[in-house]
PDB file of all heavy atoms in Angstrom:
ATOM      1  N   HIS A   1       0.801  -1.159   0.050  1.00  0.00           N
ATOM      2  CA  HIS A   1      -0.010   0.073   0.087  1.00  0.00           C
ATOM      3  C   HIS A   1       0.969   1.329   0.010  1.00  0.00           C
ATOM      4  O   HIS A   1       0.676   2.226  -0.788  1.00  0.00           O
ATOM      5  CB  HIS A   1      -0.923  -0.047   1.204  1.00  0.00           C
ATOM      6  CG  HIS A   1      -1.512   1.305   1.421  1.00  0.00           C
ATOM      7  ND1 HIS A   1      -2.645   1.685   0.691  1.00  0.00           N
ATOM      8  CD2 HIS A   1      -1.364   2.313   2.378  1.00  0.00           C
ATOM      9  CE1 HIS A   1      -3.085   2.920   1.041  1.00  0.00           C
ATOM     10  NE2 HIS A   1      -2.325   3.268   2.129  1.00  0.00           N
ATOM     11  N   LEU A   2       1.947   1.259   0.816  1.00  0.00           N
ATOM     12  CA  LEU A   2       2.750   2.492   0.870  1.00  0.00           C
ATOM     13  C   LEU A   2       3.515   2.703  -0.423  1.00  0.00           C
ATOM     14  O   LEU A   2       3.626   3.907  -0.872  1.00  0.00           O
ATOM     15  CB  LEU A   2       3.813   2.261   2.081  1.00  0.00           C
ATOM     16  CG  LEU A   2       3.243   2.350   3.485  1.00  0.00           C
ATOM     17  CD1 LEU A   2       4.340   2.038   4.457  1.00  0.00           C
ATOM     18  CD2 LEU A   2       2.687   3.808   3.717  1.00  0.00           C
ATOM     19  N   LEU A   3       3.946   1.622  -1.067  1.00  0.00           N
ATOM     20  CA  LEU A   3       4.700   1.761  -2.322  1.00  0.00           C
ATOM     21  C   LEU A   3       3.793   2.210  -3.407  1.00  0.00           C
ATOM     22  O   LEU A   3       4.144   3.069  -4.276  1.00  0.00           O
ATOM     23  CB  LEU A   3       5.371   0.403  -2.664  1.00  0.00           C
ATOM     24  CG  LEU A   3       6.651   0.060  -1.728  1.00  0.00           C
ATOM     25  CD1 LEU A   3       7.091  -1.347  -2.031  1.00  0.00           C
ATOM     26  CD2 LEU A   3       7.769   1.111  -1.923  1.00  0.00           C
ATOM     27  N   GLU A   4       2.659   1.581  -3.531  1.00  0.00           N
ATOM     28  CA  GLU A   4       1.818   1.845  -4.646  1.00  0.00           C
ATOM     29  C   GLU A   4       0.929   3.085  -4.475  1.00  0.00           C
ATOM     30  O   GLU A   4       0.707   3.842  -5.478  1.00  0.00           O
ATOM     31  CB  GLU A   4       0.756   0.618  -4.900  1.00  0.00           C
ATOM     32  CG  GLU A   4       1.487  -0.639  -5.433  1.00  0.00           C
ATOM     33  CD  GLU A   4       1.807  -0.689  -6.802  1.00  0.00           C
ATOM     34  OE1 GLU A   4       1.753   0.458  -7.370  1.00  0.00           O
ATOM     35  OE2 GLU A   4       1.951  -1.770  -7.389  1.00  0.00           O
ATOM     36  N   ASN A   5       0.441   3.342  -3.360  1.00  0.00           N
ATOM     37  CA  ASN A   5      -0.487   4.482  -3.185  1.00  0.00           C
ATOM     38  C   ASN A   5       0.168   5.708  -2.598  1.00  0.00           C
ATOM     39  O   ASN A   5      -0.426   6.754  -2.499  1.00  0.00           O
ATOM     40  CB  ASN A   5      -1.644   4.020  -2.200  1.00  0.00           C
ATOM     41  CG  ASN A   5      -2.365   2.938  -2.863  1.00  0.00           C
ATOM     42  OD1 ASN A   5      -2.571   2.778  -4.148  1.00  0.00           O
ATOM     43  ND2 ASN A   5      -2.958   2.006  -2.049  1.00  0.00           N
ATOM     44  N   LYS A   6       1.388   5.666  -2.121  1.00  0.00           N
ATOM     45  CA  LYS A   6       2.017   6.802  -1.512  1.00  0.00           C
ATOM     46  C   LYS A   6       3.279   7.199  -2.419  1.00  0.00           C
ATOM     47  O   LYS A   6       3.453   8.304  -2.811  1.00  0.00           O
ATOM     48  CB  LYS A   6       2.484   6.535  -0.061  1.00  0.00           C
ATOM     49  CG  LYS A   6       1.293   6.199   0.869  1.00  0.00           C
ATOM     50  CD  LYS A   6       0.287   7.314   0.973  1.00  0.00           C
ATOM     51  CE  LYS A   6      -0.841   7.052   1.814  1.00  0.00           C
ATOM     52  NZ  LYS A   6      -1.828   8.026   1.868  1.00  0.00           N
ATOM     53  N   LEU A   7       4.236   6.209  -2.531  1.00  0.00           N
ATOM     54  CA  LEU A   7       5.394   6.426  -3.287  1.00  0.00           C
ATOM     55  C   LEU A   7       5.147   6.611  -4.827  1.00  0.00           C
ATOM     56  O   LEU A   7       5.617   7.525  -5.453  1.00  0.00           O
ATOM     57  CB  LEU A   7       6.386   5.194  -3.139  1.00  0.00           C
ATOM     58  CG  LEU A   7       7.690   5.262  -3.971  1.00  0.00           C
ATOM     59  CD1 LEU A   7       8.507   6.523  -3.731  1.00  0.00           C
ATOM     60  CD2 LEU A   7       8.454   4.041  -3.924  1.00  0.00           C
ATOM     61  N   GLN A   8       4.254   5.710  -5.423  1.00  0.00           N
ATOM     62  CA  GLN A   8       4.154   5.753  -6.906  1.00  0.00           C
ATOM     63  C   GLN A   8       3.492   7.071  -7.366  1.00  0.00           C
ATOM     64  O   GLN A   8       3.933   7.527  -8.519  1.00  0.00           O
ATOM     65  CB  GLN A   8       3.327   4.493  -7.301  1.00  0.00           C
ATOM     66  CG  GLN A   8       3.342   4.231  -8.811  1.00  0.00           C
ATOM     67  CD  GLN A   8       4.720   4.054  -9.470  1.00  0.00           C
ATOM     68  OE1 GLN A   8       5.491   3.275  -8.892  1.00  0.00           O
ATOM     69  NE2 GLN A   8       5.031   4.709 -10.472  1.00  0.00           N
ATOM     70  N   PRO A   9       2.500   7.552  -6.720  1.00  0.00           N
ATOM     71  CA  PRO A   9       1.961   8.898  -7.141  1.00  0.00           C
ATOM     72  C   PRO A   9       2.941  10.002  -7.191  1.00  0.00           C
ATOM     73  O   PRO A   9       2.910  10.863  -8.034  1.00  0.00           O
ATOM     74  CB  PRO A   9       0.901   9.217  -6.147  1.00  0.00           C
ATOM     75  CG  PRO A   9       0.392   7.839  -5.677  1.00  0.00           C
ATOM     76  CD  PRO A   9       1.773   7.067  -5.542  1.00  0.00           C
ATOM     77  N   ILE A  10       3.950  10.022  -6.289  1.00  0.00           N
ATOM     78  CA  ILE A  10       5.002  10.941  -6.201  1.00  0.00           C
ATOM     79  C   ILE A  10       5.880  10.773  -7.488  1.00  0.00           C
ATOM     80  O   ILE A  10       6.282  11.627  -8.166  1.00  0.00           O
ATOM     81  CB  ILE A  10       5.832  10.959  -4.988  1.00  0.00           C
ATOM     82  CG1 ILE A  10       4.923  11.307  -3.809  1.00  0.00           C
ATOM     83  CG2 ILE A  10       7.016  11.855  -4.993  1.00  0.00           C
ATOM     84  CD1 ILE A  10       5.586  11.046  -2.384  1.00  0.00           C
ATOM     85  N   VAL A  11       6.268   9.507  -7.759  1.00  0.00           N
ATOM     86  CA  VAL A  11       7.049   9.150  -8.873  1.00  0.00           C
ATOM     87  C   VAL A  11       6.325   9.649 -10.153  1.00  0.00           C
ATOM     88  O   VAL A  11       6.950  10.141 -11.051  1.00  0.00           O
ATOM     89  CB  VAL A  11       7.361   7.617  -8.865  1.00  0.00           C
ATOM     90  CG1 VAL A  11       8.072   7.261 -10.206  1.00  0.00           C
ATOM     91  CG2 VAL A  11       8.220   7.313  -7.680  1.00  0.00           C
ATOM     92  N   ASN A  12       5.085   9.217 -10.172  1.00  0.00           N
ATOM     93  CA  ASN A  12       4.248   9.610 -11.525  1.00  0.00           C
ATOM     94  C   ASN A  12       4.295  11.192 -11.733  1.00  0.00           C
ATOM     95  O   ASN A  12       4.385  11.568 -12.857  1.00  0.00           O
ATOM     96  CB  ASN A  12       2.837   9.159 -11.286  1.00  0.00           C
ATOM     97  CG  ASN A  12       2.681   7.575 -11.273  1.00  0.00           C
ATOM     98  OD1 ASN A  12       3.605   6.955 -11.707  1.00  0.00           O
ATOM     99  ND2 ASN A  12       1.552   7.070 -10.779  1.00  0.00           N
ATOM    100  N   LYS A  13       4.159  11.911 -10.597  1.00  0.00           N
ATOM    101  CA  LYS A  13       4.174  13.334 -10.778  1.00  0.00           C
ATOM    102  C   LYS A  13       5.459  13.874 -11.331  1.00  0.00           C
ATOM    103  O   LYS A  13       5.617  14.649 -12.177  1.00  0.00           O
ATOM    104  CB  LYS A  13       3.875  14.055  -9.485  1.00  0.00           C
ATOM    105  CG  LYS A  13       3.590  15.539  -9.621  1.00  0.00           C
ATOM    106  CD  LYS A  13       3.265  16.068  -8.161  1.00  0.00           C
ATOM    107  CE  LYS A  13       1.850  15.540  -7.639  1.00  0.00           C
ATOM    108  NZ  LYS A  13       1.456  16.194  -6.485  1.00  0.00           N
ATOM    109  N   TYR A  14       6.598  13.263 -10.750  1.00  0.00           N
ATOM    110  CA  TYR A  14       7.990  13.679 -11.250  1.00  0.00           C
ATOM    111  C   TYR A  14       8.168  13.199 -12.640  1.00  0.00           C
ATOM    112  O   TYR A  14       8.804  14.039 -13.455  1.00  0.00           O
ATOM    113  CB  TYR A  14       8.986  13.075 -10.289  1.00  0.00           C
ATOM    114  CG  TYR A  14      10.422  13.123 -10.715  1.00  0.00           C
ATOM    115  CD1 TYR A  14      11.036  14.346 -10.640  1.00  0.00           C
ATOM    116  CD2 TYR A  14      10.989  11.992 -11.400  1.00  0.00           C
ATOM    117  CE1 TYR A  14      12.426  14.448 -11.175  1.00  0.00           C
ATOM    118  CE2 TYR A  14      12.355  12.103 -11.880  1.00  0.00           C
ATOM    119  CZ  TYR A  14      13.013  13.280 -11.675  1.00  0.00           C
ATOM    120  OH  TYR A  14      14.263  13.450 -12.195  1.00  0.00           O
ATOM    121  N   SER A  15       7.845  11.973 -12.975  1.00  0.00           N
ATOM    122  CA  SER A  15       8.057  11.445 -14.263  1.00  0.00           C
ATOM    123  C   SER A  15       7.259  12.178 -15.375  1.00  0.00           C
ATOM    124  O   SER A  15       7.704  12.515 -16.476  1.00  0.00           O
ATOM    125  CB  SER A  15       7.641   9.952 -14.350  1.00  0.00           C
ATOM    126  OG  SER A  15       6.358   9.724 -14.245  1.00  0.00           O
ATOM    127  N   TYR A  16       6.054  12.654 -14.971  1.00  0.00           N
ATOM    128  CA  TYR A  16       5.322  13.470 -15.837  1.00  0.00           C
ATOM    129  C   TYR A  16       5.965  14.871 -16.239  1.00  0.00           C
ATOM    130  O   TYR A  16       6.010  15.247 -17.354  1.00  0.00           O
ATOM    131  CB  TYR A  16       3.882  13.714 -15.387  1.00  0.00           C
ATOM    132  CG  TYR A  16       2.996  14.590 -16.281  1.00  0.00           C
ATOM    133  CD1 TYR A  16       2.434  14.100 -17.415  1.00  0.00           C
ATOM    134  CD2 TYR A  16       2.784  15.933 -15.975  1.00  0.00           C
ATOM    135  CE1 TYR A  16       1.610  14.863 -18.230  1.00  0.00           C
ATOM    136  CE2 TYR A  16       2.041  16.740 -16.762  1.00  0.00           C
ATOM    137  CZ  TYR A  16       1.451  16.225 -17.942  1.00  0.00           C
ATOM    138  OH  TYR A  16       0.629  16.962 -18.798  1.00  0.00           O
ATOM    139  N   ALA A  17       6.389  15.400 -15.236  1.00  0.00           N
ATOM    140  CA  ALA A  17       7.105  16.732 -15.288  1.00  0.00           C
ATOM    141  C   ALA A  17       8.379  16.510 -16.290  1.00  0.00           C
ATOM    142  O   ALA A  17       8.674  17.340 -17.111  1.00  0.00           O
ATOM    143  CB  ALA A  17       7.525  17.231 -13.992  1.00  0.00           C
ATOM    144  N   LEU A  18       8.995  15.385 -16.006  1.00  0.00           N
ATOM    145  CA  LEU A  18      10.217  15.079 -16.754  1.00  0.00           C
ATOM    146  C   LEU A  18       9.961  14.902 -18.233  1.00  0.00           C
ATOM    147  O   LEU A  18      10.584  15.382 -19.144  1.00  0.00           O
ATOM    148  CB  LEU A  18      10.976  13.881 -16.114  1.00  0.00           C
ATOM    149  CG  LEU A  18      12.366  13.489 -16.774  1.00  0.00           C
ATOM    150  CD1 LEU A  18      13.303  14.615 -16.420  1.00  0.00           C
ATOM    151  CD2 LEU A  18      12.867  12.173 -16.169  1.00  0.00           C
ATOM    152  N   ARG A  19       8.873  14.101 -18.441  1.00  0.00           N
ATOM    153  CA  ARG A  19       8.469  13.793 -19.832  1.00  0.00           C
ATOM    154  C   ARG A  19       8.083  15.062 -20.637  1.00  0.00           C
ATOM    155  O   ARG A  19       8.398  15.261 -21.762  1.00  0.00           O
ATOM    156  CB  ARG A  19       7.248  12.760 -19.912  1.00  0.00           C
ATOM    157  CG  ARG A  19       7.648  11.442 -19.409  1.00  0.00           C
ATOM    158  CD  ARG A  19       6.575  10.503 -19.941  1.00  0.00           C
ATOM    159  NE  ARG A  19       5.276  10.836 -19.719  1.00  0.00           N
ATOM    160  CZ  ARG A  19       4.533  10.522 -18.586  1.00  0.00           C
ATOM    161  NH1 ARG A  19       5.044   9.929 -17.519  1.00  0.00           N
ATOM    162  NH2 ARG A  19       3.269  10.981 -18.611  1.00  0.00           N
ATOM    163  N   THR A  20       7.288  15.906 -19.936  1.00  0.00           N
ATOM    164  CA  THR A  20       6.790  17.085 -20.581  1.00  0.00           C
ATOM    165  C   THR A  20       7.879  18.081 -20.887  1.00  0.00           C
ATOM    166  O   THR A  20       7.755  18.987 -21.788  1.00  0.00           O
ATOM    167  CB  THR A  20       5.603  17.700 -19.836  1.00  0.00           C
ATOM    168  OG1 THR A  20       6.171  17.966 -18.498  1.00  0.00           O
ATOM    169  CG2 THR A  20       4.441  16.836 -19.764  1.00  0.00           C
ATOM    170  N   SER A  21       8.938  18.131 -20.079  1.00  0.00           N
ATOM    171  CA  SER A  21      10.022  19.058 -20.250  1.00  0.00           C
ATOM    172  C   SER A  21      11.126  18.576 -21.235  1.00  0.00           C
ATOM    173  O   SER A  21      11.967  19.337 -21.699  1.00  0.00           O
ATOM    174  CB  SER A  21      10.682  19.413 -18.890  1.00  0.00           C
ATOM    175  OG  SER A  21      11.269  18.200 -18.387  1.00  0.00           O
ATOM    176  N   ALA A  22      11.053  17.303 -21.568  1.00  0.00           N
ATOM    177  CA  ALA A  22      12.130  16.735 -22.404  1.00  0.00           C
ATOM    178  C   ALA A  22      11.697  16.800 -23.808  1.00  0.00           C
ATOM    179  O   ALA A  22      10.496  16.760 -24.152  1.00  0.00           O
ATOM    180  CB  ALA A  22      12.306  15.291 -21.980  1.00  0.00           C
ATOM    181  N   ALA A  23      12.635  16.867 -24.668  1.00  0.00           N
ATOM    182  CA  ALA A  23      12.318  16.840 -26.163  1.00  0.00           C
ATOM    183  C   ALA A  23      11.905  15.423 -26.526  1.00  0.00           C
ATOM    184  O   ALA A  23      12.559  14.403 -26.130  1.00  0.00           O
ATOM    185  CB  ALA A  23      13.522  17.309 -27.027  1.00  0.00           C
ATOM    186  N   GLU A  24      10.866  15.283 -27.408  1.00  0.00           N
ATOM    187  CA  GLU A  24      10.415  13.897 -27.821  1.00  0.00           C
ATOM    188  C   GLU A  24      11.044  13.498 -29.119  1.00  0.00           C
ATOM    189  O   GLU A  24      11.476  14.258 -29.909  1.00  0.00           O
ATOM    190  CB  GLU A  24       8.923  14.033 -28.010  1.00  0.00           C
ATOM    191  CG  GLU A  24       8.220  14.253 -26.657  1.00  0.00           C
ATOM    192  CD  GLU A  24       6.703  14.162 -26.965  1.00  0.00           C
ATOM    193  OE1 GLU A  24       6.206  14.109 -28.088  1.00  0.00           O
ATOM    194  OE2 GLU A  24       5.881  14.053 -26.018  1.00  0.00           O
ATOM    195  N   ILE A  25      11.146  12.204 -29.203  1.00  0.00           N
ATOM    196  CA  ILE A  25      11.775  11.472 -30.370  1.00  0.00           C
ATOM    197  C   ILE A  25      10.536  10.836 -31.005  1.00  0.00           C
ATOM    198  O   ILE A  25      10.207   9.821 -30.666  1.00  0.00           O
ATOM    199  CB  ILE A  25      12.878  10.567 -30.127  1.00  0.00           C
ATOM    200  CG1 ILE A  25      13.980  11.221 -29.254  1.00  0.00           C
ATOM    201  CG2 ILE A  25      13.456   9.966 -31.371  1.00  0.00           C
ATOM    202  CD1 ILE A  25      14.961  10.186 -28.778  1.00  0.00           C
ATOM    203  N   PRO A  26       9.917  11.512 -32.102  1.00  0.00           N
ATOM    204  CA  PRO A  26       8.669  10.850 -32.566  1.00  0.00           C
ATOM    205  C   PRO A  26       8.874   9.659 -33.393  1.00  0.00           C
ATOM    206  O   PRO A  26       9.718   9.613 -34.155  1.00  0.00           O
ATOM    207  CB  PRO A  26       8.019  11.963 -33.393  1.00  0.00           C
ATOM    208  CG  PRO A  26       9.267  12.773 -33.769  1.00  0.00           C
ATOM    209  CD  PRO A  26      10.220  12.770 -32.655  1.00  0.00           C
TER     210      PRO A  26
END
């Protein structure tokens, strides 16, 4: 529960910010 419902949302938020700020390779 801690890993999936507490840690993973934080990771998801960070990874989304990283993806949107990085240049994409289409």
